[in-house]
Amino acid sequence: MPIYAYRCSTCGHAQDVLQKLSDPILTDCPECGKATYVKQVTAAGFQLKGTGWYVTDFRNNGSSPNPAPSSGEGGGQAAVAPAAASTPAPAPTPAPKSST
């Protein structure tokens, strides 16, 4: 069950409430009793880090493709491949040779 943050716009009372998705939104403040209790927008309680899992990871006879470059330790998110991807990505084109 998710935890929702509520705050009363009249008295300033704030509270985290454990509710089911099907439960109605609370509107009456438990502190002052007025109908000014509103649900707050909060950040997610988890972060996705690393290269992630790709649909194509197990398609090449057990050999995995090169992992995607990570964005480091600074809070990067995992890359997500589309679920409907049916063809592998095209290979990168080689750089033109320089004539020196």
C-alpha atoms as a PDB file:
ATOM      1  CA  MET A   1       0.000   0.000   0.000  1.00  0.00           C
ATOM      2  CA  PRO A   2       1.343   3.447  -0.846  1.00  0.00           C
ATOM      3  CA  ILE A   3       2.031   6.187   1.664  1.00  0.00           C
ATOM      4  CA  TYR A   4       0.538   9.583   0.827  1.00  0.00           C
ATOM      5  CA  ALA A   5       1.538  12.931   2.337  1.00  0.00           C
ATOM      6  CA  TYR A   6      -1.303  15.252   3.358  1.00  0.00           C
ATOM      7  CA  ARG A   7      -1.212  18.863   4.588  1.00  0.00           C
ATOM      8  CA  CYS A   8      -3.934  21.168   5.872  1.00  0.00           C
ATOM      9  CA  SER A   9      -3.880  24.557   4.162  1.00  0.00           C
ATOM     10  CA  THR A  10      -5.656  26.180   7.128  1.00  0.00           C
ATOM     11  CA  CYS A  11      -3.708  25.051  10.217  1.00  0.00           C
ATOM     12  CA  GLY A  12      -0.579  23.606   8.523  1.00  0.00           C
ATOM     13  CA  HIS A  13      -0.958  20.115  10.037  1.00  0.00           C
ATOM     14  CA  ALA A  14       1.025  17.588   7.931  1.00  0.00           C
ATOM     15  CA  GLN A  15       0.778  13.806   8.085  1.00  0.00           C
ATOM     16  CA  ASP A  16       1.804  10.734   6.081  1.00  0.00           C
ATOM     17  CA  VAL A  17      -1.091   8.302   5.597  1.00  0.00           C
ATOM     18  CA  LEU A  18      -0.926   4.637   4.553  1.00  0.00           C
ATOM     19  CA  GLN A  19      -3.852   4.093   2.142  1.00  0.00           C
ATOM     20  CA  LYS A  20      -5.042   1.606  -0.449  1.00  0.00           C
ATOM     21  CA  LEU A  21      -5.281   2.829  -4.041  1.00  0.00           C
ATOM     22  CA  SER A  22      -9.060   2.352  -3.822  1.00  0.00           C
ATOM     23  CA  ASP A  23      -9.432   4.438  -0.616  1.00  0.00           C
ATOM     24  CA  PRO A  24     -11.011   7.885  -1.057  1.00  0.00           C
ATOM     25  CA  ILE A  25      -8.821  11.001  -0.798  1.00  0.00           C
ATOM     26  CA  LEU A  26      -8.918  12.536   2.679  1.00  0.00           C
ATOM     27  CA  THR A  27     -10.389  16.049   2.823  1.00  0.00           C
ATOM     28  CA  ASP A  28     -11.084  16.741   6.529  1.00  0.00           C
ATOM     29  CA  CYS A  29      -8.095  17.738   8.677  1.00  0.00           C
ATOM     30  CA  PRO A  30      -7.813  15.558  11.811  1.00  0.00           C
ATOM     31  CA  GLU A  31      -6.341  18.523  13.742  1.00  0.00           C
ATOM     32  CA  CYS A  32      -8.717  21.426  13.017  1.00  0.00           C
ATOM     33  CA  GLY A  33     -11.639  19.552  11.370  1.00  0.00           C
ATOM     34  CA  LYS A  34     -11.852  21.825   8.320  1.00  0.00           C
ATOM     35  CA  ALA A  35     -12.183  20.467   4.777  1.00  0.00           C
ATOM     36  CA  THR A  36      -8.835  21.915   3.667  1.00  0.00           C
ATOM     37  CA  TYR A  37      -6.741  18.711   3.846  1.00  0.00           C
ATOM     38  CA  VAL A  38      -4.972  18.173   0.510  1.00  0.00           C
ATOM     39  CA  LYS A  39      -2.712  15.439  -0.855  1.00  0.00           C
ATOM     40  CA  GLN A  40       0.854  16.601  -1.519  1.00  0.00           C
ATOM     41  CA  VAL A  41       3.001  15.732  -4.527  1.00  0.00           C
ATOM     42  CA  THR A  42       6.088  13.885  -3.286  1.00  0.00           C
ATOM     43  CA  ALA A  43       9.180  12.323  -4.838  1.00  0.00           C
ATOM     44  CA  ALA A  44       9.458   8.584  -5.338  1.00  0.00           C
ATOM     45  CA  GLY A  45      11.048   6.651  -2.491  1.00  0.00           C
ATOM     46  CA  PHE A  46      13.494   4.763  -4.718  1.00  0.00           C
ATOM     47  CA  GLN A  47      16.008   5.367  -7.500  1.00  0.00           C
ATOM     48  CA  LEU A  48      16.873   3.212 -10.487  1.00  0.00           C
ATOM     49  CA  LYS A  49      20.636   2.920 -10.988  1.00  0.00           C
ATOM     50  CA  GLY A  50      22.871   0.911 -13.272  1.00  0.00           C
ATOM     51  CA  THR A  51      22.537  -0.267 -16.837  1.00  0.00           C
ATOM     52  CA  GLY A  52      19.191  -1.997 -16.403  1.00  0.00           C
ATOM     53  CA  TRP A  53      17.815  -5.073 -18.134  1.00  0.00           C
ATOM     54  CA  TYR A  54      17.154  -5.186 -21.841  1.00  0.00           C
ATOM     55  CA  VAL A  55      14.894  -7.378 -23.948  1.00  0.00           C
ATOM     56  CA  THR A  56      17.905  -8.274 -26.128  1.00  0.00           C
ATOM     57  CA  ASP A  57      20.126  -9.424 -23.224  1.00  0.00           C
ATOM     58  CA  PHE A  58      19.424 -13.131 -23.786  1.00  0.00           C
ATOM     59  CA  ARG A  59      18.895 -13.313 -27.556  1.00  0.00           C
ATOM     60  CA  ASN A  60      22.442 -13.931 -28.849  1.00  0.00           C
ATOM     61  CA  ASN A  61      22.844 -17.611 -27.879  1.00  0.00           C
ATOM     62  CA  GLY A  62      23.730 -16.782 -24.309  1.00  0.00           C
ATOM     63  CA  SER A  63      26.282 -14.073 -25.095  1.00  0.00           C
ATOM     64  CA  SER A  64      25.177 -10.706 -23.767  1.00  0.00           C
ATOM     65  CA  PRO A  65      25.738  -7.518 -25.755  1.00  0.00           C
ATOM     66  CA  ASN A  66      28.031  -4.756 -24.529  1.00  0.00           C
ATOM     67  CA  PRO A  67      26.427  -3.008 -21.556  1.00  0.00           C
ATOM     68  CA  ALA A  68      25.171   0.531 -21.958  1.00  0.00           C
ATOM     69  CA  PRO A  69      27.496   3.208 -20.570  1.00  0.00           C
ATOM     70  CA  SER A  70      26.527   4.118 -17.029  1.00  0.00           C
ATOM     71  CA  SER A  71      25.978   7.677 -15.943  1.00  0.00           C
ATOM     72  CA  GLY A  72      28.130   7.224 -12.848  1.00  0.00           C
ATOM     73  CA  GLU A  73      27.249   7.301  -9.176  1.00  0.00           C
ATOM     74  CA  GLY A  74      25.382  10.632  -9.329  1.00  0.00           C
ATOM     75  CA  GLY A  75      21.768   9.418  -9.351  1.00  0.00           C
ATOM     76  CA  GLY A  76      21.410   8.251 -12.959  1.00  0.00           C
ATOM     77  CA  GLN A  77      18.421   6.235 -14.016  1.00  0.00           C
ATOM     78  CA  ALA A  78      18.406   2.881 -15.732  1.00  0.00           C
ATOM     79  CA  ALA A  79      17.775   2.852 -19.455  1.00  0.00           C
ATOM     80  CA  VAL A  80      14.652   0.977 -20.470  1.00  0.00           C
ATOM     81  CA  ALA A  81      14.258  -0.745 -23.810  1.00  0.00           C
ATOM     82  CA  PRO A  82      10.787  -0.697 -25.380  1.00  0.00           C
ATOM     83  CA  ALA A  83       8.851  -3.904 -24.773  1.00  0.00           C
ATOM     84  CA  ALA A  84       7.762  -4.126 -28.415  1.00  0.00           C
ATOM     85  CA  ALA A  85      11.327  -4.107 -29.825  1.00  0.00           C
ATOM     86  CA  SER A  86      11.473  -7.012 -32.253  1.00  0.00           C
ATOM     87  CA  THR A  87      14.611  -6.157 -34.230  1.00  0.00           C
ATOM     88  CA  PRO A  88      18.065  -5.386 -32.865  1.00  0.00           C
ATOM     89  CA  ALA A  89      19.440  -1.872 -33.186  1.00  0.00           C
ATOM     90  CA  PRO A  90      21.521  -1.222 -36.333  1.00  0.00           C
ATOM     91  CA  ALA A  91      25.293  -1.312 -35.974  1.00  0.00           C
ATOM     92  CA  PRO A  92      27.025   2.085 -35.878  1.00  0.00           C
ATOM     93  CA  THR A  93      28.545   3.225 -39.138  1.00  0.00           C
ATOM     94  CA  PRO A  94      32.367   3.369 -39.202  1.00  0.00           C
ATOM     95  CA  ALA A  95      34.059   6.756 -39.245  1.00  0.00           C
ATOM     96  CA  PRO A  96      35.427   7.869 -42.628  1.00  0.00           C
ATOM     97  CA  LYS A  97      39.167   7.308 -43.108  1.00  0.00           C
ATOM     98  CA  SER A  98      41.296  10.396 -43.276  1.00  0.00           C
ATOM     99  CA  SER A  99      43.714  10.807 -46.148  1.00  0.00           C
ATOM    100  CA  THR A 100      47.010  12.090 -44.771  1.00  0.00           C
END
